[in-house]
PDB file of N, CA and C in Angstrom:
ATOM      1  N   TYR A   1     -19.076  -9.373  -8.010  1.00  0.00           N
ATOM      2  CA  TYR A   1     -18.210  -7.971  -7.328  1.00  0.00           C
ATOM      3  C   TYR A   1     -17.975  -7.557  -9.096  1.00  0.00           C
ATOM      4  N   SER A   2     -17.499  -6.045  -8.347  1.00  0.00           N
ATOM      5  CA  SER A   2     -17.017  -5.054  -9.536  1.00  0.00           C
ATOM      6  C   SER A   2     -16.218  -4.323  -8.956  1.00  0.00           C
ATOM      7  N   LEU A   3     -15.359  -3.733  -9.691  1.00  0.00           N
ATOM      8  CA  LEU A   3     -13.536  -2.910  -9.176  1.00  0.00           C
ATOM      9  C   LEU A   3     -14.435  -1.804  -9.965  1.00  0.00           C
ATOM     10  N   ASN A   4     -13.978  -0.182  -8.995  1.00  0.00           N
ATOM     11  CA  ASN A   4     -14.668   0.687  -9.664  1.00  0.00           C
ATOM     12  C   ASN A   4     -15.606   1.042 -10.854  1.00  0.00           C
ATOM     13  N   SER A   5     -16.923   0.158 -10.654  1.00  0.00           N
ATOM     14  CA  SER A   5     -17.841   0.225 -11.279  1.00  0.00           C
ATOM     15  C   SER A   5     -17.247  -0.515 -13.092  1.00  0.00           C
ATOM     16  N   GLY A   6     -16.374  -1.396 -12.585  1.00  0.00           N
ATOM     17  CA  GLY A   6     -16.174  -2.108 -13.191  1.00  0.00           C
ATOM     18  C   GLY A   6     -16.718  -3.045 -14.557  1.00  0.00           C
ATOM     19  N   SER A   7     -16.213  -3.565 -15.275  1.00  0.00           N
ATOM     20  CA  SER A   7     -16.971  -4.856 -15.029  1.00  0.00           C
ATOM     21  C   SER A   7     -17.591  -6.059 -14.098  1.00  0.00           C
ATOM     22  N   LYS A   8     -18.233  -7.231 -14.035  1.00  0.00           N
ATOM     23  CA  LYS A   8     -18.841  -7.801 -13.174  1.00  0.00           C
ATOM     24  C   LYS A   8     -17.935  -9.246 -12.860  1.00  0.00           C
ATOM     25  N   ILE A   9     -17.990  -9.649 -11.908  1.00  0.00           N
ATOM     26  CA  ILE A   9     -16.676 -10.949 -11.613  1.00  0.00           C
ATOM     27  C   ILE A   9     -17.732 -11.864 -10.598  1.00  0.00           C
ATOM     28  N   ILE A  10     -17.955 -12.683 -11.729  1.00  0.00           N
ATOM     29  CA  ILE A  10     -18.758 -13.542 -10.978  1.00  0.00           C
ATOM     30  C   ILE A  10     -17.873 -15.046 -10.729  1.00  0.00           C
ATOM     31  N   PHE A  11     -18.371 -15.282  -8.780  1.00  0.00           N
ATOM     32  CA  PHE A  11     -18.397 -15.605  -7.770  1.00  0.00           C
ATOM     33  C   PHE A  11     -19.197 -16.306  -7.136  1.00  0.00           C
ATOM     34  N   THR A  12     -18.560 -17.792  -6.355  1.00  0.00           N
ATOM     35  CA  THR A  12     -19.761 -18.620  -5.745  1.00  0.00           C
ATOM     36  C   THR A  12     -20.308 -18.188  -4.640  1.00  0.00           C
ATOM     37  N   ASN A  13     -18.754 -18.679  -3.923  1.00  0.00           N
ATOM     38  CA  ASN A  13     -18.441 -18.779  -2.345  1.00  0.00           C
ATOM     39  C   ASN A  13     -18.966 -17.476  -1.738  1.00  0.00           C
ATOM     40  N   LEU A  14     -18.960 -17.598   0.389  1.00  0.00           N
ATOM     41  CA  LEU A  14     -19.518 -16.183  -0.006  1.00  0.00           C
ATOM     42  C   LEU A  14     -17.510 -15.608   0.814  1.00  0.00           C
ATOM     43  N   THR A  15     -17.179 -16.547   0.738  1.00  0.00           N
ATOM     44  CA  THR A  15     -15.484 -16.027   0.979  1.00  0.00           C
ATOM     45  C   THR A  15     -14.778 -16.280  -0.384  1.00  0.00           C
ATOM     46  N   GLY A  16     -13.655 -14.951  -0.986  1.00  0.00           N
ATOM     47  CA  GLY A  16     -12.192 -15.316  -1.200  1.00  0.00           C
ATOM     48  C   GLY A  16     -11.942 -14.471  -1.855  1.00  0.00           C
ATOM     49  N   MET A  17     -11.198 -13.972  -2.749  1.00  0.00           N
ATOM     50  CA  MET A  17     -10.143 -13.219  -3.253  1.00  0.00           C
ATOM     51  C   MET A  17     -10.373 -12.310  -4.778  1.00  0.00           C
ATOM     52  N   ILE A  18     -10.361 -11.321  -4.726  1.00  0.00           N
ATOM     53  CA  ILE A  18     -10.203 -10.401  -5.468  1.00  0.00           C
ATOM     54  C   ILE A  18      -8.951 -10.666  -6.733  1.00  0.00           C
ATOM     55  N   THR A  19      -9.360 -11.267  -7.868  1.00  0.00           N
ATOM     56  CA  THR A  19      -8.733 -11.294  -8.541  1.00  0.00           C
ATOM     57  C   THR A  19      -7.439 -11.060  -9.036  1.00  0.00           C
ATOM     58  N   GLN A  20      -6.699 -11.626  -9.147  1.00  0.00           N
ATOM     59  CA  GLN A  20      -5.411 -10.370  -9.247  1.00  0.00           C
ATOM     60  C   GLN A  20      -4.995  -9.429 -10.402  1.00  0.00           C
ATOM     61  N   GLU A  21      -5.168  -9.713 -11.554  1.00  0.00           N
ATOM     62  CA  GLU A  21      -5.710  -9.601 -12.846  1.00  0.00           C
ATOM     63  C   GLU A  21      -6.576  -7.893 -12.709  1.00  0.00           C
ATOM     64  N   ALA A  22      -7.788  -8.041 -11.593  1.00  0.00           N
ATOM     65  CA  ALA A  22      -8.545  -7.250 -11.656  1.00  0.00           C
ATOM     66  C   ALA A  22      -7.863  -5.827 -10.393  1.00  0.00           C
ATOM     67  N   TRP A  23      -7.153  -7.350  -9.312  1.00  0.00           N
ATOM     68  CA  TRP A  23      -6.673  -6.004  -8.867  1.00  0.00           C
ATOM     69  C   TRP A  23      -5.290  -4.771  -8.908  1.00  0.00           C
ATOM     70  N   GLU A  24      -5.005  -5.720  -9.890  1.00  0.00           N
ATOM     71  CA  GLU A  24      -4.072  -5.091 -10.736  1.00  0.00           C
ATOM     72  C   GLU A  24      -4.611  -3.935 -11.917  1.00  0.00           C
ATOM     73  N   SER A  25      -5.573  -3.898 -12.566  1.00  0.00           N
ATOM     74  CA  SER A  25      -5.955  -2.796 -13.304  1.00  0.00           C
ATOM     75  C   SER A  25      -6.707  -2.108 -11.773  1.00  0.00           C
ATOM     76  N   CYS A  26      -6.174  -1.831 -11.157  1.00  0.00           N
ATOM     77  CA  CYS A  26      -6.569  -0.611 -10.491  1.00  0.00           C
ATOM     78  C   CYS A  26      -5.269   0.119  -9.824  1.00  0.00           C
ATOM     79  N   GLY A  27      -5.873   1.553 -10.131  1.00  0.00           N
ATOM     80  CA  GLY A  27      -4.548   2.640  -9.897  1.00  0.00           C
ATOM     81  C   GLY A  27      -3.769   2.289  -8.501  1.00  0.00           C
ATOM     82  N   ASN A  28      -3.311   3.000  -7.733  1.00  0.00           N
ATOM     83  CA  ASN A  28      -3.065   3.284  -6.106  1.00  0.00           C
ATOM     84  C   ASN A  28      -3.742   4.554  -6.028  1.00  0.00           C
ATOM     85  N   GLY A  29      -4.297   4.419  -5.212  1.00  0.00           N
ATOM     86  CA  GLY A  29      -5.696   4.992  -4.794  1.00  0.00           C
ATOM     87  C   GLY A  29      -6.743   4.981  -3.702  1.00  0.00           C
ATOM     88  N   THR A  30      -7.564   5.227  -4.379  1.00  0.00           N
ATOM     89  CA  THR A  30      -9.244   4.855  -4.202  1.00  0.00           C
ATOM     90  C   THR A  30      -9.613   3.741  -5.074  1.00  0.00           C
ATOM     91  N   VAL A  31      -9.596   2.577  -4.086  1.00  0.00           N
ATOM     92  CA  VAL A  31     -10.338   1.312  -5.101  1.00  0.00           C
ATOM     93  C   VAL A  31     -12.161   1.406  -4.622  1.00  0.00           C
ATOM     94  N   LEU A  32     -13.082   1.436  -5.304  1.00  0.00           N
ATOM     95  CA  LEU A  32     -14.664   1.093  -5.376  1.00  0.00           C
ATOM     96  C   LEU A  32     -14.944  -0.749  -5.212  1.00  0.00           C
ATOM     97  N   ILE A  33     -15.157  -1.194  -4.227  1.00  0.00           N
ATOM     98  CA  ILE A  33     -15.710  -1.880  -4.604  1.00  0.00           C
ATOM     99  C   ILE A  33     -17.131  -3.124  -4.364  1.00  0.00           C
ATOM    100  N   ALA A  34     -18.319  -2.882  -4.880  1.00  0.00           N
ATOM    101  CA  ALA A  34     -19.354  -3.205  -4.663  1.00  0.00           C
ATOM    102  C   ALA A  34     -19.921  -4.856  -5.341  1.00  0.00           C
ATOM    103  N   PHE A  35     -20.149  -5.051  -4.070  1.00  0.00           N
ATOM    104  CA  PHE A  35     -20.841  -6.635  -3.884  1.00  0.00           C
ATOM    105  C   PHE A  35     -21.871  -6.957  -4.094  1.00  0.00           C
ATOM    106  N   PHE A  36     -22.862  -8.296  -5.196  1.00  0.00           N
ATOM    107  CA  PHE A  36     -23.895  -8.213  -6.128  1.00  0.00           C
ATOM    108  C   PHE A  36     -24.724  -9.206  -4.799  1.00  0.00           C
ATOM    109  N   ALA A  37     -25.551  -9.339  -5.268  1.00  0.00           N
ATOM    110  CA  ALA A  37     -26.012 -10.814  -4.543  1.00  0.00           C
ATOM    111  C   ALA A  37     -28.104 -10.654  -5.555  1.00  0.00           C
ATOM    112  N   ASN A  38     -28.657 -11.747  -6.112  1.00  0.00           N
ATOM    113  CA  ASN A  38     -29.399 -11.960  -6.037  1.00  0.00           C
ATOM    114  C   ASN A  38     -30.114 -12.918  -6.054  1.00  0.00           C
ATOM    115  N   ASP A  39     -32.031 -13.280  -6.200  1.00  0.00           N
ATOM    116  CA  ASP A  39     -32.121 -14.439  -5.580  1.00  0.00           C
ATOM    117  C   ASP A  39     -33.482 -15.153  -7.235  1.00  0.00           C
ATOM    118  N   THR A  40     -33.781 -16.386  -6.720  1.00  0.00           N
ATOM    119  CA  THR A  40     -34.681 -17.199  -8.209  1.00  0.00           C
ATOM    120  C   THR A  40     -35.575 -15.783  -8.932  1.00  0.00           C
ATOM    121  N   ALA A  41     -36.296 -14.878  -7.724  1.00  0.00           N
ATOM    122  CA  ALA A  41     -37.435 -14.104  -8.598  1.00  0.00           C
ATOM    123  C   ALA A  41     -36.884 -12.535  -9.393  1.00  0.00           C
ATOM    124  N   GLY A  42     -35.501 -13.033  -9.047  1.00  0.00           N
ATOM    125  CA  GLY A  42     -34.756 -11.525 -10.038  1.00  0.00           C
ATOM    126  C   GLY A  42     -34.297 -10.415  -8.948  1.00  0.00           C
ATOM    127  N   ASN A  43     -34.736 -11.202  -8.148  1.00  0.00           N
ATOM    128  CA  ASN A  43     -34.402  -8.870  -7.183  1.00  0.00           C
ATOM    129  C   ASN A  43     -33.579  -8.882  -6.499  1.00  0.00           C
ATOM    130  N   LEU A  44     -32.390  -8.008  -7.024  1.00  0.00           N
ATOM    131  CA  LEU A  44     -31.137  -7.843  -6.423  1.00  0.00           C
ATOM    132  C   LEU A  44     -30.882  -6.644  -5.727  1.00  0.00           C
ATOM    133  N   ALA A  45     -30.052  -6.863  -4.711  1.00  0.00           N
ATOM    134  CA  ALA A  45     -28.641  -6.568  -3.734  1.00  0.00           C
ATOM    135  C   ALA A  45     -27.821  -5.478  -3.774  1.00  0.00           C
ATOM    136  N   PHE A  46     -26.729  -5.181  -3.063  1.00  0.00           N
ATOM    137  CA  PHE A  46     -26.091  -4.606  -3.484  1.00  0.00           C
ATOM    138  C   PHE A  46     -25.216  -3.899  -2.705  1.00  0.00           C
ATOM    139  N   GLN A  47     -23.867  -3.849  -2.198  1.00  0.00           N
ATOM    140  CA  GLN A  47     -23.721  -3.167  -0.779  1.00  0.00           C
ATOM    141  C   GLN A  47     -22.389  -2.476  -1.499  1.00  0.00           C
ATOM    142  N   GLU A  48     -21.530  -1.457  -0.909  1.00  0.00           N
ATOM    143  CA  GLU A  48     -20.029  -0.786  -2.069  1.00  0.00           C
ATOM    144  C   GLU A  48     -19.604  -0.451  -0.142  1.00  0.00           C
ATOM    145  N   ILE A  49     -18.231  -0.951  -0.465  1.00  0.00           N
ATOM    146  CA  ILE A  49     -16.826   0.115   0.341  1.00  0.00           C
ATOM    147  C   ILE A  49     -16.189   0.417  -0.573  1.00  0.00           C
ATOM    148  N   ILE A  50     -15.256   1.416   0.088  1.00  0.00           N
ATOM    149  CA  ILE A  50     -13.534   2.014  -0.647  1.00  0.00           C
ATOM    150  C   ILE A  50     -12.990   1.034   0.665  1.00  0.00           C
ATOM    151  N   VAL A  51     -11.633   1.074  -0.407  1.00  0.00           N
ATOM    152  CA  VAL A  51     -10.621   0.801   0.267  1.00  0.00           C
ATOM    153  C   VAL A  51      -9.364   1.017  -0.602  1.00  0.00           C
ATOM    154  N   TYR A  52      -8.027   1.496   0.398  1.00  0.00           N
ATOM    155  CA  TYR A  52      -6.728   3.092  -0.428  1.00  0.00           C
ATOM    156  C   TYR A  52      -6.169   1.444  -0.672  1.00  0.00           C
ATOM    157  N   LYS A  53      -5.806   2.198  -1.830  1.00  0.00           N
ATOM    158  CA  LYS A  53      -4.495   0.766  -2.270  1.00  0.00           C
ATOM    159  C   LYS A  53      -3.196   1.913  -2.687  1.00  0.00           C
ATOM    160  N   ASP A  54      -1.921   1.338  -2.078  1.00  0.00           N
ATOM    161  CA  ASP A  54      -1.116   1.773  -1.184  1.00  0.00           C
ATOM    162  C   ASP A  54      -0.471   1.271  -2.007  1.00  0.00           C
ATOM    163  N   ILE A  55       0.420   1.675  -3.510  1.00  0.00           N
ATOM    164  CA  ILE A  55       1.613   0.173  -4.554  1.00  0.00           C
ATOM    165  C   ILE A  55       2.943   2.031  -4.729  1.00  0.00           C
ATOM    166  N   ILE A  56       2.852   2.763  -3.884  1.00  0.00           N
ATOM    167  CA  ILE A  56       3.948   3.726  -4.503  1.00  0.00           C
ATOM    168  C   ILE A  56       5.353   3.516  -3.028  1.00  0.00           C
ATOM    169  N   ALA A  57       6.110   3.288  -3.394  1.00  0.00           N
ATOM    170  CA  ALA A  57       6.913   3.530  -2.281  1.00  0.00           C
ATOM    171  C   ALA A  57       7.465   4.574  -1.669  1.00  0.00           C
ATOM    172  N   PRO A  58       8.262   4.847  -0.432  1.00  0.00           N
ATOM    173  CA  PRO A  58       7.783   6.061   0.521  1.00  0.00           C
ATOM    174  C   PRO A  58       9.219   6.976  -0.468  1.00  0.00           C
ATOM    175  N   GLU A  59       9.769   8.222  -0.465  1.00  0.00           N
ATOM    176  CA  GLU A  59      10.618   9.046  -1.152  1.00  0.00           C
ATOM    177  C   GLU A  59      10.997   9.111   0.440  1.00  0.00           C
ATOM    178  N   ILE A  60      12.633   9.058   0.012  1.00  0.00           N
ATOM    179  CA  ILE A  60      13.269   9.275   1.512  1.00  0.00           C
ATOM    180  C   ILE A  60      14.954   9.642   0.492  1.00  0.00           C
ATOM    181  N   THR A  61      14.504  11.462   1.828  1.00  0.00           N
ATOM    182  CA  THR A  61      15.977  12.314   1.433  1.00  0.00           C
ATOM    183  C   THR A  61      17.110  12.360   2.847  1.00  0.00           C
ATOM    184  N   ILE A  62      18.129  11.653   2.594  1.00  0.00           N
ATOM    185  CA  ILE A  62      19.279  12.276   3.714  1.00  0.00           C
ATOM    186  C   ILE A  62      19.327  13.390   4.100  1.00  0.00           C
ATOM    187  N   MET A  63      19.491  14.141   4.197  1.00  0.00           N
ATOM    188  CA  MET A  63      19.490  15.659   4.389  1.00  0.00           C
ATOM    189  C   MET A  63      21.026  15.760   5.125  1.00  0.00           C
ATOM    190  N   THR A  64      21.135  15.127   6.314  1.00  0.00           N
ATOM    191  CA  THR A  64      22.292  14.784   7.149  1.00  0.00           C
ATOM    192  C   THR A  64      22.494  13.317   7.634  1.00  0.00           C
ATOM    193  N   PRO A  65      23.856  13.136   7.379  1.00  0.00           N
ATOM    194  CA  PRO A  65      25.108  13.094   6.930  1.00  0.00           C
ATOM    195  C   PRO A  65      25.139  13.467   5.658  1.00  0.00           C
ATOM    196  N   LEU A  66      26.415  14.380   5.591  1.00  0.00           N
ATOM    197  CA  LEU A  66      26.208  14.649   3.972  1.00  0.00           C
ATOM    198  C   LEU A  66      27.112  13.222   3.434  1.00  0.00           C
ATOM    199  N   ASN A  67      27.198  12.392   2.212  1.00  0.00           N
ATOM    200  CA  ASN A  67      27.666  11.445   1.992  1.00  0.00           C
ATOM    201  C   ASN A  67      29.190  11.433   1.675  1.00  0.00           C
ATOM    202  N   ASN A  68      29.557  10.140   2.380  1.00  0.00           N
ATOM    203  CA  ASN A  68      31.442  10.488   2.604  1.00  0.00           C
ATOM    204  C   ASN A  68      31.487  10.975   3.651  1.00  0.00           C
ATOM    205  N   LEU A  69      30.967  11.451   4.497  1.00  0.00           N
ATOM    206  CA  LEU A  69      31.192  12.346   5.869  1.00  0.00           C
ATOM    207  C   LEU A  69      32.658  11.614   6.046  1.00  0.00           C
ATOM    208  N   LEU A  70      33.193  12.143   6.677  1.00  0.00           N
ATOM    209  CA  LEU A  70      34.983  12.093   7.520  1.00  0.00           C
ATOM    210  C   LEU A  70      34.354  11.680   8.895  1.00  0.00           C
ATOM    211  N   SER A  71      34.234  11.146   9.792  1.00  0.00           N
ATOM    212  CA  SER A  71      34.175  11.112  11.287  1.00  0.00           C
ATOM    213  C   SER A  71      34.608  10.306  12.287  1.00  0.00           C
ATOM    214  N   GLY A  72      34.977  11.404  13.454  1.00  0.00           N
ATOM    215  CA  GLY A  72      36.049  10.461  14.413  1.00  0.00           C
ATOM    216  C   GLY A  72      35.666   9.727  15.232  1.00  0.00           C
ATOM    217  N   HIS A  73      35.636   9.845  16.807  1.00  0.00           N
ATOM    218  CA  HIS A  73      34.469   8.740  17.557  1.00  0.00           C
ATOM    219  C   HIS A  73      33.477   9.531  18.167  1.00  0.00           C
ATOM    220  N   ASP A  74      33.451  10.528  18.188  1.00  0.00           N
ATOM    221  CA  ASP A  74      32.239  10.573  18.437  1.00  0.00           C
ATOM    222  C   ASP A  74      30.939  10.798  17.199  1.00  0.00           C
ATOM    223  N   THR A  75      29.556   9.980  18.122  1.00  0.00           N
ATOM    224  CA  THR A  75      28.546   9.541  16.384  1.00  0.00           C
ATOM    225  C   THR A  75      27.891  10.585  16.685  1.00  0.00           C
ATOM    226  N   ILE A  76      27.325  10.009  15.133  1.00  0.00           N
ATOM    227  CA  ILE A  76      27.143  11.585  14.504  1.00  0.00           C
ATOM    228  C   ILE A  76      25.046  11.711  14.153  1.00  0.00           C
ATOM    229  N   SER A  77      24.902  12.647  13.849  1.00  0.00           N
ATOM    230  CA  SER A  77      23.675  12.693  13.465  1.00  0.00           C
ATOM    231  C   SER A  77      22.964  12.354  12.747  1.00  0.00           C
ATOM    232  N   PHE A  78      21.399  12.583  12.475  1.00  0.00           N
ATOM    233  CA  PHE A  78      20.759  12.148  10.691  1.00  0.00           C
ATOM    234  C   PHE A  78      19.916  13.078  11.037  1.00  0.00           C
ATOM    235  N   ASN A  79      18.407  13.610   9.289  1.00  0.00           N
ATOM    236  CA  ASN A  79      18.177  14.184   9.509  1.00  0.00           C
ATOM    237  C   ASN A  79      17.335  13.512   8.295  1.00  0.00           C
ATOM    238  N   LEU A  80      16.686  12.550   8.387  1.00  0.00           N
ATOM    239  CA  LEU A  80      16.245  12.406   6.630  1.00  0.00           C
ATOM    240  C   LEU A  80      14.830  13.127   6.162  1.00  0.00           C
ATOM    241  N   SER A  81      14.558  13.685   5.759  1.00  0.00           N
ATOM    242  CA  SER A  81      12.976  13.381   4.884  1.00  0.00           C
ATOM    243  C   SER A  81      12.107  12.770   4.332  1.00  0.00           C
ATOM    244  N   ILE A  82      10.779  12.388   4.420  1.00  0.00           N
ATOM    245  CA  ILE A  82      10.600  11.444   4.326  1.00  0.00           C
ATOM    246  C   ILE A  82       9.313  12.065   4.139  1.00  0.00           C
ATOM    247  N   ASN A  83       8.722  11.596   1.968  1.00  0.00           N
ATOM    248  CA  ASN A  83       7.024  11.719   2.028  1.00  0.00           C
ATOM    249  C   ASN A  83       6.562  10.653   1.805  1.00  0.00           C
ATOM    250  N   GLU A  84       5.342  10.068   2.254  1.00  0.00           N
ATOM    251  CA  GLU A  84       4.525   9.180   2.334  1.00  0.00           C
ATOM    252  C   GLU A  84       3.372   9.425   3.295  1.00  0.00           C
ATOM    253  N   ARG A  85       2.251   9.595   2.142  1.00  0.00           N
ATOM    254  CA  ARG A  85       0.780   9.449   2.767  1.00  0.00           C
ATOM    255  C   ARG A  85       1.128   8.826   3.761  1.00  0.00           C
ATOM    256  N   ASN A  86       1.337   7.377   3.844  1.00  0.00           N
ATOM    257  CA  ASN A  86       0.811   5.967   4.930  1.00  0.00           C
ATOM    258  C   ASN A  86       2.519   6.039   5.674  1.00  0.00           C
ATOM    259  N   PHE A  87       2.715   6.889   5.517  1.00  0.00           N
ATOM    260  CA  PHE A  87       3.682   6.958   6.516  1.00  0.00           C
ATOM    261  C   PHE A  87       3.421   5.499   8.051  1.00  0.00           C
ATOM    262  N   ASP A  88       4.347   4.619   8.063  1.00  0.00           N
ATOM    263  CA  ASP A  88       3.855   3.616   9.504  1.00  0.00           C
ATOM    264  C   ASP A  88       6.426   4.141  10.106  1.00  0.00           C
ATOM    265  N   SER A  89       6.526   3.309   9.804  1.00  0.00           N
ATOM    266  CA  SER A  89       8.025   3.336  10.925  1.00  0.00           C
ATOM    267  C   SER A  89       9.271   3.628   9.023  1.00  0.00           C
ATOM    268  N   SER A  90      10.489   3.998  10.566  1.00  0.00           N
ATOM    269  CA  SER A  90      11.858   4.097   9.919  1.00  0.00           C
ATOM    270  C   SER A  90      13.189   3.071  10.332  1.00  0.00           C
ATOM    271  N   TRP A  91      13.970   3.083   9.785  1.00  0.00           N
ATOM    272  CA  TRP A  91      15.288   2.664  10.811  1.00  0.00           C
ATOM    273  C   TRP A  91      16.216   3.076   9.602  1.00  0.00           C
ATOM    274  N   TYR A  92      17.045   2.269  10.610  1.00  0.00           N
ATOM    275  CA  TYR A  92      18.315   2.486   9.461  1.00  0.00           C
ATOM    276  C   TYR A  92      19.314   1.007  10.075  1.00  0.00           C
ATOM    277  N   ARG A  93      20.806   0.911   9.271  1.00  0.00           N
ATOM    278  CA  ARG A  93      20.997  -0.362   9.660  1.00  0.00           C
ATOM    279  C   ARG A  93      22.710   0.061   9.396  1.00  0.00           C
ATOM    280  N   ASP A  94      22.993  -0.273  10.040  1.00  0.00           N
ATOM    281  CA  ASP A  94      24.512  -0.803  10.243  1.00  0.00           C
ATOM    282  C   ASP A  94      25.645  -1.367   9.376  1.00  0.00           C
ATOM    283  N   ILE A  95      25.770  -0.698   7.852  1.00  0.00           N
ATOM    284  CA  ILE A  95      26.466  -1.961   7.398  1.00  0.00           C
ATOM    285  C   ILE A  95      27.678  -2.990   7.584  1.00  0.00           C
ATOM    286  N   ASN A  96      28.432  -1.678   8.464  1.00  0.00           N
ATOM    287  CA  ASN A  96      30.010  -2.778   9.258  1.00  0.00           C
ATOM    288  C   ASN A  96      29.936  -3.458  10.354  1.00  0.00           C
ATOM    289  N   HIS A  97      28.703  -3.131  11.051  1.00  0.00           N
ATOM    290  CA  HIS A  97      28.730  -3.913  12.503  1.00  0.00           C
ATOM    291  C   HIS A  97      27.305  -5.081  12.089  1.00  0.00           C
ATOM    292  N   GLY A  98      26.421  -5.292  11.202  1.00  0.00           N
ATOM    293  CA  GLY A  98      25.849  -5.558  11.057  1.00  0.00           C
ATOM    294  C   GLY A  98      23.956  -6.452  12.022  1.00  0.00           C
ATOM    295  N   PHE A  99      24.227  -4.849  12.065  1.00  0.00           N
ATOM    296  CA  PHE A  99      22.632  -4.391  13.264  1.00  0.00           C
ATOM    297  C   PHE A  99      21.643  -3.514  13.164  1.00  0.00           C
ATOM    298  N   GLN A 100      21.019  -3.840  12.886  1.00  0.00           N
ATOM    299  CA  GLN A 100      19.510  -2.769  12.411  1.00  0.00           C
ATOM    300  C   GLN A 100      18.858  -2.269  13.667  1.00  0.00           C
ATOM    301  N   LEU A 101      18.658  -1.277  13.548  1.00  0.00           N
ATOM    302  CA  LEU A 101      17.893   0.359  14.628  1.00  0.00           C
ATOM    303  C   LEU A 101      16.341   0.271  14.554  1.00  0.00           C
TER     304      LEU A 101
END
């Protein structure tokens, strides 16, 4: 196989894993993976796929409440800004009572 039209990496089994070194050489974003096969007569075939590598953490900004806000018995609301192309989920943790939501 090769990644992003780079050097060929030889393997002999029909299943396996991309080597860590080769995977780390690919940056964030689109990765083109090409698989090749040949026979003893010299005939060559290949097929390509595209996968998306996401190695950048989301950017999160707490809009409200403000840091060190003084609050009483009433609960407070929050407003977040999250910048992430592949956003999945968000949650908060109450560090004083040991639970997560």
